[in-house]
Amino acid sequence: MSDKPEISTGTSSLSDLDVSRPEYYEQDTWRPMFARLRKEAPVHYLSDSVNGPFWSVTSHALIKEVDANNSVFSSEKGGISIVDLKPVEGQLQGKNFIEMDEPEHSVQRKAVAPSVAPKNLAELEPLIRERAIDILENLPVGETFNWVQDVSIELTARMLTTILDFPYDQRHKLVQWSDLATDVPQVTGKEGTDMQARYDELMNCAAAFYQLWTSKSGQPPSFDLISMLQNNPETAHMNEDMELFLGNMLLLIVGGNDTTRNSISGGVMALNQYPDEYQKLRDNPALIPNMVSEIIRWQTPVIHMRRTALEDYELGGQQIRKDDKVIMWYLSGNRDESVFEDPDRLIIDRPNARAHVAFGFGVHRCMGNRMAELQLRILWEEIMERFHTVEVVGDITRLPNNFIRGIKEIPVCVHPH
């Protein structure tokens, strides 16, 4: 933990407000700071931080303006996270299509997009349901267990193995690699991370997928992502560029894991925090699809995305200069009072729940958003079939991380009907 004093929303200098400090997300104390920025400085410049100087964009409308304007605000120039990682000599630096600008971004994205097209999702639905049922049927009724480990992580790991056609009995490696991808001190605030050990394990990830790629070469096309990449002329030789190969594999793992996993966890937390909404759900399970969008808004699994200005630009009355680092705080945009009434509250029949920016906006909007929604919808349908309540019975442990809004532990007890 930092030994810096807690920033209060009322008394500290606006110019010093640093919403990138990971402990705010571990302590869940970020709301007043973002509320203040939205009100007083929705485009806010911090001249000095662990991550250097950066602009914070905190209102819903201005986040969409930045995200939509990909000719001015680049994903490629500085990457998509607040961290400026310096290349280490002799080490591979992964690159992927989320960190590309047009036209390269769309070319790469189109190669994997069919895997999450409606037809493919319809074919996956029975398998997702079967796996969700298996997990829920084997929960220890009447005993306390960690919902994150036994449900959130387990379901997403099982689905990732399916989407990637990765060995099912090694599914927890995917979770480990996903966690490692954001495990750097500037994101987590944890000093003493063994960066060499982290790199070595990510190389194990690259090797495993390279082996998988090789084993599938020459095979008839199938619905999994590896096969789709191999059978698209634009990406058929991706394995020959190890930086691109590693970067895109990690992107698919993190994208398929973190968003869904932390929304599954967030939903249980939110319904316990607002029991009247839980009762509303019991009374009308048809609200589940809308509730899924509301859970994703309320949780906002990806806290921020970064862009770098390619030219001078006026945003919200502030002058952004060429090469400036611009951070879109999706977590703040999803709590914007001008868009969402009573935004800190979960309201499962909220009429504009789908207006959230948790998946981003514009050409970089999350490709797997429908897959995430499908998994959450099916899981909640099966939860409501079996349990009157998934009750939180202890303290929730969150992760220090300013990029992924991660939850480590939710002690729960399930109560059947």
Protein backbone atom coordinates (compact mmCIF):
# COMPACT_ATOMS: atom_id res chain seq x y z
CA MET A 1 0.00 0.00 0.00
CA SER A 2 1.11 3.55 -0.63
CA ASP A 3 2.08 5.67 2.34
CA LYS A 4 0.65 8.73 0.63
CA PRO A 5 -2.33 10.23 2.47
CA GLU A 6 -5.77 9.33 1.19
CA ILE A 7 -6.99 11.95 -1.27
CA SER A 8 -10.29 13.36 -0.13
CA THR A 9 -12.66 14.67 -2.71
CA GLY A 10 -13.10 18.03 -1.06
CA THR A 11 -9.80 19.40 0.14
CA SER A 12 -6.98 18.26 -2.13
CA SER A 13 -5.76 20.33 -5.03
CA LEU A 14 -7.48 19.47 -8.28
CA SER A 15 -4.20 19.72 -10.17
CA ASP A 16 -2.68 16.90 -8.05
CA LEU A 17 -5.57 14.45 -8.43
CA ASP A 18 -4.08 11.15 -9.63
CA VAL A 19 -6.79 8.59 -10.40
CA SER A 20 -4.21 6.11 -11.71
CA ARG A 21 -3.08 4.97 -8.26
CA PRO A 22 -3.86 1.22 -8.07
CA GLU A 23 -4.76 1.27 -4.38
CA TYR A 24 -7.94 3.25 -5.12
CA TYR A 25 -9.27 0.22 -7.02
CA GLU A 26 -8.13 -2.23 -4.37
CA GLN A 27 -9.83 -0.11 -1.66
CA ASP A 28 -12.82 0.74 -3.92
CA THR A 29 -12.44 4.43 -3.06
CA TRP A 30 -12.38 5.90 -6.59
CA ARG A 31 -15.95 7.26 -6.87
CA PRO A 32 -15.59 10.72 -5.23
CA MET A 33 -12.47 11.56 -7.26
CA PHE A 34 -14.07 10.76 -10.59
CA ALA A 35 -17.27 12.57 -9.58
CA ARG A 36 -15.17 15.64 -8.84
CA LEU A 37 -13.31 15.43 -12.15
CA ARG A 38 -16.54 15.04 -14.13
CA LYS A 39 -17.93 18.11 -12.41
CA GLU A 40 -14.86 20.37 -12.29
CA ALA A 41 -12.44 19.12 -14.95
CA PRO A 42 -13.75 16.42 -17.31
CA VAL A 43 -10.53 16.87 -19.31
CA HIS A 44 -7.85 17.05 -16.61
CA TYR A 45 -4.08 17.29 -16.91
CA LEU A 46 -1.78 15.69 -14.33
CA SER A 47 1.78 16.90 -14.86
CA ASP A 48 3.52 14.19 -12.86
CA SER A 49 2.75 10.61 -11.82
CA VAL A 50 4.34 7.15 -11.69
CA ASN A 51 3.18 6.91 -15.30
CA GLY A 52 4.38 10.37 -16.33
CA PRO A 53 2.11 13.24 -17.37
CA PHE A 54 -1.32 12.38 -18.78
CA TRP A 55 -4.76 13.75 -19.54
CA SER A 56 -7.78 12.16 -17.84
CA VAL A 57 -11.03 12.15 -19.82
CA THR A 58 -13.87 11.30 -17.45
CA SER A 59 -17.24 12.29 -18.98
CA HIS A 60 -19.30 9.90 -21.09
CA ALA A 61 -19.57 12.27 -24.08
CA LEU A 62 -15.88 13.20 -24.18
CA ILE A 63 -14.75 9.57 -23.83
CA LYS A 64 -16.87 8.77 -26.91
CA GLU A 65 -15.38 11.74 -28.75
CA VAL A 66 -11.83 10.47 -28.16
CA ASP A 67 -12.68 6.83 -28.86
CA ALA A 68 -14.48 7.67 -32.10
CA ASN A 69 -11.73 9.93 -33.42
CA ASN A 70 -9.11 7.33 -34.24
CA SER A 71 -7.39 9.53 -36.85
CA VAL A 72 -6.31 11.97 -34.11
CA PHE A 73 -6.06 9.65 -31.12
CA SER A 74 -3.77 6.70 -31.82
CA SER A 75 -3.83 3.26 -30.22
CA GLU A 76 -0.59 2.32 -31.95
CA LYS A 77 1.72 5.14 -30.93
CA GLY A 78 1.84 4.51 -27.19
CA GLY A 79 -0.31 1.41 -26.74
CA ILE A 80 -3.61 1.11 -24.90
CA SER A 81 -2.59 1.24 -21.25
CA ILE A 82 -1.38 4.12 -19.12
CA VAL A 83 1.99 2.37 -18.71
CA ASP A 84 4.99 3.29 -20.84
CA LEU A 85 6.84 -0.02 -20.84
CA LYS A 86 10.40 0.37 -22.06
CA PRO A 87 11.57 -2.44 -24.36
CA VAL A 88 14.11 -4.78 -22.80
CA GLU A 89 16.94 -5.73 -25.11
CA GLY A 90 16.61 -9.29 -26.32
CA GLN A 91 12.97 -9.62 -25.20
CA LEU A 92 9.98 -9.94 -27.50
CA GLN A 93 7.50 -7.07 -27.28
CA GLY A 94 4.04 -8.37 -28.11
CA LYS A 95 1.95 -6.37 -30.55
CA ASN A 96 -1.69 -6.94 -31.42
CA PHE A 97 -4.57 -5.52 -33.41
CA ILE A 98 -6.05 -3.55 -30.50
CA GLU A 99 -2.76 -1.58 -30.55
CA MET A 100 -2.93 -0.89 -34.29
CA ASP A 101 -4.41 2.05 -36.14
CA GLU A 102 -6.36 1.89 -39.39
CA PRO A 103 -6.15 0.31 -41.88
CA GLU A 104 -4.04 -2.49 -40.29
CA HIS A 105 -6.33 -2.77 -37.28
CA SER A 106 -9.45 -3.66 -39.28
CA VAL A 107 -7.58 -6.17 -41.47
CA GLN A 108 -6.40 -8.13 -38.42
CA ARG A 109 -9.69 -7.79 -36.57
CA LYS A 110 -11.73 -9.09 -39.50
CA ALA A 111 -9.75 -12.33 -39.43
CA VAL A 112 -10.96 -13.28 -35.94
CA ALA A 113 -14.36 -11.55 -35.94
CA PRO A 114 -16.22 -14.56 -37.45
CA SER A 115 -15.50 -16.54 -34.27
CA VAL A 116 -17.90 -14.29 -32.37
CA ALA A 117 -20.43 -13.77 -35.17
CA PRO A 118 -24.10 -14.49 -34.28
CA LYS A 119 -24.13 -17.85 -36.13
CA ASN A 120 -21.10 -19.06 -34.23
CA LEU A 121 -22.48 -17.84 -30.89
CA ALA A 122 -25.73 -19.69 -31.55
CA GLU A 123 -23.72 -22.89 -32.03
CA LEU A 124 -21.77 -22.25 -28.82
CA GLU A 125 -24.83 -21.55 -26.65
CA PRO A 126 -25.63 -25.21 -25.81
CA LEU A 127 -22.02 -25.83 -24.79
CA ILE A 128 -21.88 -22.71 -22.61
CA ARG A 129 -25.14 -23.79 -20.95
CA GLU A 130 -23.89 -27.34 -20.41
CA ARG A 131 -20.71 -26.05 -18.74
CA ALA A 132 -22.55 -23.48 -16.64
CA ILE A 133 -24.97 -26.15 -15.40
CA ASP A 134 -22.10 -28.50 -14.57
CA ILE A 135 -20.37 -25.81 -12.50
CA LEU A 136 -23.54 -24.75 -10.65
CA GLU A 137 -24.71 -28.32 -9.98
CA ASN A 138 -21.41 -29.09 -8.25
CA LEU A 139 -21.31 -26.09 -5.90
CA PRO A 140 -21.25 -26.97 -2.18
CA VAL A 141 -24.74 -25.97 -1.04
CA GLY A 142 -24.80 -24.70 2.53
CA GLU A 143 -21.02 -24.18 2.68
CA THR A 144 -18.97 -21.03 2.19
CA PHE A 145 -16.83 -20.94 -0.95
CA ASN A 146 -15.08 -18.37 -3.16
CA TRP A 147 -17.44 -17.45 -6.00
CA VAL A 148 -14.56 -15.94 -8.03
CA GLN A 149 -12.52 -19.14 -8.03
CA ASP A 150 -15.30 -21.70 -8.33
CA VAL A 151 -17.64 -19.95 -10.76
CA SER A 152 -16.23 -16.80 -12.41
CA ILE A 153 -12.78 -18.20 -13.21
CA GLU A 154 -13.97 -21.73 -13.90
CA LEU A 155 -16.64 -20.79 -16.44
CA THR A 156 -14.43 -18.34 -18.35
CA ALA A 157 -11.51 -20.80 -18.39
CA ARG A 158 -13.75 -23.53 -19.81
CA MET A 159 -15.09 -21.21 -22.50
CA LEU A 160 -11.63 -19.92 -23.44
CA THR A 161 -10.41 -23.45 -24.07
CA THR A 162 -13.35 -23.93 -26.42
CA ILE A 163 -12.89 -20.65 -28.33
CA LEU A 164 -9.14 -21.25 -28.71
CA ASP A 165 -9.34 -25.07 -28.99
CA PHE A 166 -6.77 -25.18 -26.19
CA PRO A 167 -6.28 -28.42 -24.17
CA TYR A 168 -9.18 -28.53 -21.68
CA ASP A 169 -7.12 -30.07 -18.89
CA GLN A 170 -4.70 -27.12 -19.06
CA ARG A 171 -7.38 -24.43 -18.91
CA HIS A 172 -6.04 -22.80 -15.74
CA LYS A 173 -2.86 -21.88 -17.59
CA LEU A 174 -4.98 -19.49 -19.65
CA VAL A 175 -6.11 -17.77 -16.44
CA GLN A 176 -2.52 -17.56 -15.19
CA TRP A 177 -1.29 -16.02 -18.46
CA SER A 178 -4.18 -13.57 -18.52
CA ASP A 179 -3.32 -12.38 -15.01
CA LEU A 180 0.37 -12.05 -15.93
CA ALA A 181 -0.42 -9.83 -18.90
CA THR A 182 -1.30 -6.86 -16.63
CA ASP A 183 1.04 -7.77 -13.76
CA VAL A 184 3.45 -4.83 -13.98
CA PRO A 185 4.18 -2.42 -11.09
CA GLN A 186 2.76 0.66 -12.86
CA VAL A 187 -0.60 -1.11 -13.17
CA THR A 188 -0.75 -2.98 -9.85
CA GLY A 189 1.39 -0.76 -7.61
CA LYS A 190 3.17 -3.92 -6.41
CA GLU A 191 6.91 -3.42 -6.15
CA GLY A 192 9.26 -6.35 -6.52
CA THR A 193 7.47 -8.07 -9.41
CA ASP A 194 9.97 -10.49 -10.94
CA MET A 195 9.77 -9.18 -14.50
CA GLN A 196 12.14 -11.84 -15.84
CA ALA A 197 10.01 -14.65 -14.39
CA ARG A 198 6.91 -12.95 -15.84
CA TYR A 199 8.56 -12.74 -19.26
CA ASP A 200 9.68 -16.37 -19.12
CA GLU A 201 6.13 -17.53 -18.35
CA LEU A 202 4.71 -15.41 -21.19
CA MET A 203 7.24 -17.11 -23.46
CA ASN A 204 5.79 -20.43 -22.26
CA CYS A 205 2.40 -19.07 -23.37
CA ALA A 206 3.80 -18.20 -26.80
CA ALA A 207 5.39 -21.65 -27.10
CA ALA A 208 2.15 -23.44 -26.15
CA PHE A 209 0.17 -21.53 -28.76
CA TYR A 210 2.87 -21.93 -31.37
CA GLN A 211 2.67 -25.67 -30.81
CA LEU A 212 -1.14 -25.52 -31.05
CA TRP A 213 -0.87 -23.49 -34.27
CA THR A 214 1.54 -26.04 -35.77
CA SER A 215 -0.68 -28.98 -34.81
CA LYS A 216 -3.67 -27.41 -36.59
CA SER A 217 -1.82 -26.43 -39.77
CA GLY A 218 -3.27 -28.11 -42.82
CA GLN A 219 -6.40 -29.23 -40.93
CA PRO A 220 -9.88 -28.45 -42.29
CA PRO A 221 -11.21 -25.06 -41.06
CA SER A 222 -13.17 -25.12 -37.79
CA PHE A 223 -14.87 -22.46 -35.66
CA ASP A 224 -12.02 -21.82 -33.20
CA LEU A 225 -9.91 -18.68 -33.34
CA ILE A 226 -6.64 -20.39 -34.26
CA SER A 227 -8.24 -22.08 -37.26
CA MET A 228 -9.82 -18.80 -38.38
CA LEU A 229 -6.50 -16.97 -38.20
CA GLN A 230 -4.81 -19.75 -40.17
CA ASN A 231 -7.48 -19.76 -42.87
CA ASN A 232 -7.54 -16.00 -43.46
CA PRO A 233 -4.91 -14.86 -46.01
CA GLU A 234 -4.19 -11.70 -43.99
CA THR A 235 -3.24 -13.63 -40.83
CA ALA A 236 -2.25 -17.04 -42.17
CA HIS A 237 1.44 -16.29 -41.55
CA MET A 238 1.02 -14.55 -38.19
CA ASN A 239 3.13 -17.26 -36.55
CA GLU A 240 6.12 -16.05 -38.56
CA ASP A 241 6.08 -12.73 -36.66
CA MET A 242 6.52 -13.76 -33.02
CA GLU A 243 5.76 -10.28 -31.64
CA LEU A 244 2.46 -10.18 -33.50
CA PHE A 245 1.73 -13.81 -32.62
CA LEU A 246 2.37 -13.41 -28.88
CA GLY A 247 0.54 -10.07 -28.73
CA ASN A 248 -2.61 -11.34 -30.43
CA MET A 249 -2.70 -14.57 -28.41
CA LEU A 250 -2.47 -12.58 -25.16
CA LEU A 251 -5.12 -10.15 -26.39
CA LEU A 252 -7.54 -13.00 -27.09
CA ILE A 253 -6.82 -14.60 -23.70
CA VAL A 254 -7.19 -11.36 -21.69
CA GLY A 255 -10.19 -10.23 -23.74
CA GLY A 256 -11.93 -13.57 -23.27
CA ASN A 257 -11.09 -13.88 -19.59
CA ASP A 258 -11.03 -10.62 -17.65
CA THR A 259 -14.18 -8.95 -18.94
CA THR A 260 -16.49 -11.91 -18.39
CA ARG A 261 -14.88 -13.18 -15.22
CA ASN A 262 -15.06 -9.86 -13.37
CA SER A 263 -18.59 -9.16 -14.59
CA ILE A 264 -19.71 -12.56 -13.25
CA SER A 265 -18.18 -11.56 -9.90
CA GLY A 266 -19.50 -8.00 -10.02
CA GLY A 267 -23.07 -9.16 -10.61
CA VAL A 268 -23.16 -11.19 -7.41
CA MET A 269 -21.69 -8.29 -5.44
CA ALA A 270 -24.15 -5.78 -6.91
CA LEU A 271 -27.28 -7.88 -6.31
CA ASN A 272 -26.22 -8.38 -2.69
CA GLN A 273 -25.61 -4.66 -2.31
CA TYR A 274 -29.07 -3.90 -3.74
CA PRO A 275 -31.38 -6.70 -2.47
CA ASP A 276 -34.47 -4.95 -3.84
CA GLU A 277 -32.99 -5.40 -7.34
CA TYR A 278 -32.37 -9.08 -6.56
CA GLN A 279 -36.04 -9.41 -5.64
CA LYS A 280 -37.00 -7.61 -8.86
CA LEU A 281 -34.99 -10.28 -10.72
CA ARG A 282 -36.73 -13.14 -8.86
CA ASP A 283 -40.10 -11.61 -9.71
CA ASN A 284 -39.20 -11.20 -13.38
CA PRO A 285 -36.30 -13.30 -14.74
CA ALA A 286 -37.07 -11.89 -18.21
CA LEU A 287 -35.04 -8.88 -17.07
CA ILE A 288 -31.80 -10.93 -17.29
CA PRO A 289 -30.63 -9.64 -20.73
CA ASN A 290 -31.02 -6.01 -19.64
CA MET A 291 -29.50 -6.82 -16.24
CA VAL A 292 -26.42 -8.20 -18.01
CA SER A 293 -25.82 -4.81 -19.68
CA GLU A 294 -26.39 -3.07 -16.36
CA ILE A 295 -23.94 -5.37 -14.56
CA ILE A 296 -21.30 -4.66 -17.21
CA ARG A 297 -21.91 -0.90 -16.80
CA TRP A 298 -21.82 -1.12 -13.01
CA GLN A 299 -18.71 -3.27 -12.89
CA THR A 300 -16.81 -1.82 -15.90
CA PRO A 301 -14.19 -4.60 -16.09
CA VAL A 302 -11.68 -2.53 -18.13
CA ILE A 303 -11.04 0.64 -16.12
CA HIS A 304 -9.27 2.67 -18.77
CA MET A 305 -7.92 2.80 -22.30
CA ARG A 306 -5.12 5.03 -23.48
CA ARG A 307 -4.64 6.96 -26.70
CA THR A 308 -1.79 9.20 -27.89
CA ALA A 309 -2.53 12.44 -29.76
CA LEU A 310 -1.14 12.52 -33.30
CA GLU A 311 -1.81 16.26 -33.60
CA ASP A 312 -2.97 19.20 -31.51
CA TYR A 313 -6.66 18.94 -30.66
CA GLU A 314 -9.11 20.89 -28.53
CA LEU A 315 -11.14 18.59 -26.26
CA GLY A 316 -13.72 19.87 -23.82
CA GLY A 317 -12.15 23.33 -23.89
CA GLN A 318 -8.64 22.02 -23.15
CA GLN A 319 -5.75 22.05 -25.60
CA ILE A 320 -4.31 18.58 -26.13
CA ARG A 321 -0.85 18.72 -27.72
CA LYS A 322 0.64 16.32 -30.24
CA ASP A 323 2.21 13.29 -28.45
CA ASP A 324 0.20 13.86 -25.24
CA LYS A 325 -1.03 10.75 -23.40
CA VAL A 326 -4.83 10.72 -23.16
CA ILE A 327 -6.59 8.28 -20.78
CA MET A 328 -10.26 7.47 -21.27
CA TRP A 329 -11.58 6.40 -17.85
CA TYR A 330 -14.44 4.09 -18.86
CA LEU A 331 -15.19 3.49 -15.18
CA SER A 332 -15.99 7.18 -14.79
CA GLY A 333 -17.94 7.47 -18.04
CA ASN A 334 -20.22 4.68 -16.84
CA ARG A 335 -21.01 6.66 -13.68
CA ASP A 336 -21.74 9.92 -15.52
CA GLU A 337 -24.75 11.53 -13.81
CA SER A 338 -25.72 13.37 -17.00
CA VAL A 339 -26.32 10.04 -18.78
CA PHE A 340 -27.26 7.54 -16.04
CA GLU A 341 -29.74 8.45 -13.33
CA ASP A 342 -28.49 7.44 -9.87
CA PRO A 343 -25.37 6.00 -11.57
CA ASP A 344 -23.71 4.35 -8.58
CA ARG A 345 -26.72 2.12 -8.09
CA LEU A 346 -27.41 -1.16 -9.91
CA ILE A 347 -30.85 -0.85 -11.54
CA ILE A 348 -31.49 -4.07 -13.47
CA ASP A 349 -34.31 -2.59 -15.60
CA ARG A 350 -32.41 0.65 -16.31
CA PRO A 351 -33.79 1.76 -19.71
CA ASN A 352 -30.43 2.95 -21.12
CA ALA A 353 -28.13 0.32 -19.59
CA ARG A 354 -26.75 -0.48 -23.04
CA ALA A 355 -25.45 3.08 -23.40
CA HIS A 356 -22.43 2.14 -21.28
CA VAL A 357 -18.88 2.55 -22.63
CA ALA A 358 -17.45 -0.56 -20.93
CA PHE A 359 -16.75 -2.13 -24.34
CA GLY A 360 -15.33 1.07 -25.79
CA PHE A 361 -16.73 2.99 -28.74
CA GLY A 362 -15.89 3.29 -32.43
CA VAL A 363 -13.63 1.00 -34.48
CA HIS A 364 -11.95 -0.45 -31.37
CA ARG A 365 -15.21 -1.45 -29.66
CA CYS A 366 -14.70 -4.83 -27.97
CA MET A 367 -15.03 -7.57 -30.54
CA GLY A 368 -16.18 -10.16 -27.99
CA ASN A 369 -18.93 -8.08 -26.38
CA ARG A 370 -21.72 -10.42 -27.56
CA MET A 371 -19.81 -13.46 -26.33
CA ALA A 372 -19.43 -11.87 -22.88
CA GLU A 373 -23.13 -10.98 -22.77
CA LEU A 374 -24.10 -14.49 -23.88
CA GLN A 375 -22.06 -16.15 -21.12
CA LEU A 376 -23.49 -13.83 -18.46
CA ARG A 377 -27.06 -14.28 -19.68
CA ILE A 378 -26.84 -18.08 -19.70
CA LEU A 379 -25.14 -18.18 -16.31
CA TRP A 380 -27.82 -16.00 -14.69
CA GLU A 381 -30.62 -18.00 -16.30
CA GLU A 382 -29.17 -21.16 -14.76
CA ILE A 383 -28.46 -19.50 -11.40
CA MET A 384 -32.10 -18.38 -11.14
CA GLU A 385 -33.28 -21.93 -11.99
CA ARG A 386 -31.38 -23.35 -9.02
CA PHE A 387 -30.86 -20.76 -6.31
CA HIS A 388 -33.07 -18.34 -4.45
CA THR A 389 -29.98 -16.41 -3.36
CA VAL A 390 -26.25 -16.35 -3.92
CA GLU A 391 -25.44 -14.69 -0.60
CA VAL A 392 -22.20 -12.80 0.05
CA VAL A 393 -21.16 -13.88 3.56
CA GLY A 394 -17.77 -12.21 4.07
CA ASP A 395 -15.38 -9.49 2.99
CA ILE A 396 -14.70 -9.00 -0.70
CA THR A 397 -11.05 -8.82 -1.77
CA ARG A 398 -10.26 -6.65 -4.78
CA LEU A 399 -7.05 -6.48 -6.75
CA PRO A 400 -4.81 -3.41 -6.91
CA ASN A 401 -4.94 -2.67 -10.63
CA ASN A 402 -5.71 0.52 -12.56
CA PHE A 403 -6.42 -1.29 -15.86
CA ILE A 404 -8.54 -4.36 -15.03
CA ARG A 405 -11.17 -3.99 -12.29
CA GLY A 406 -10.35 -7.32 -10.76
CA ILE A 407 -11.94 -9.17 -7.86
CA LYS A 408 -10.00 -11.91 -6.08
CA GLU A 409 -12.40 -13.23 -3.51
CA ILE A 410 -16.13 -13.18 -2.80
CA PRO A 411 -17.10 -15.58 0.01
CA VAL A 412 -20.62 -16.79 -0.73
CA CYS A 413 -23.18 -19.35 0.35
CA VAL A 414 -25.83 -20.52 -2.14
CA HIS A 415 -29.41 -21.08 -1.02
CA PRO A 416 -31.66 -23.26 -3.20
CA HIS A 417 -35.32 -22.41 -3.80
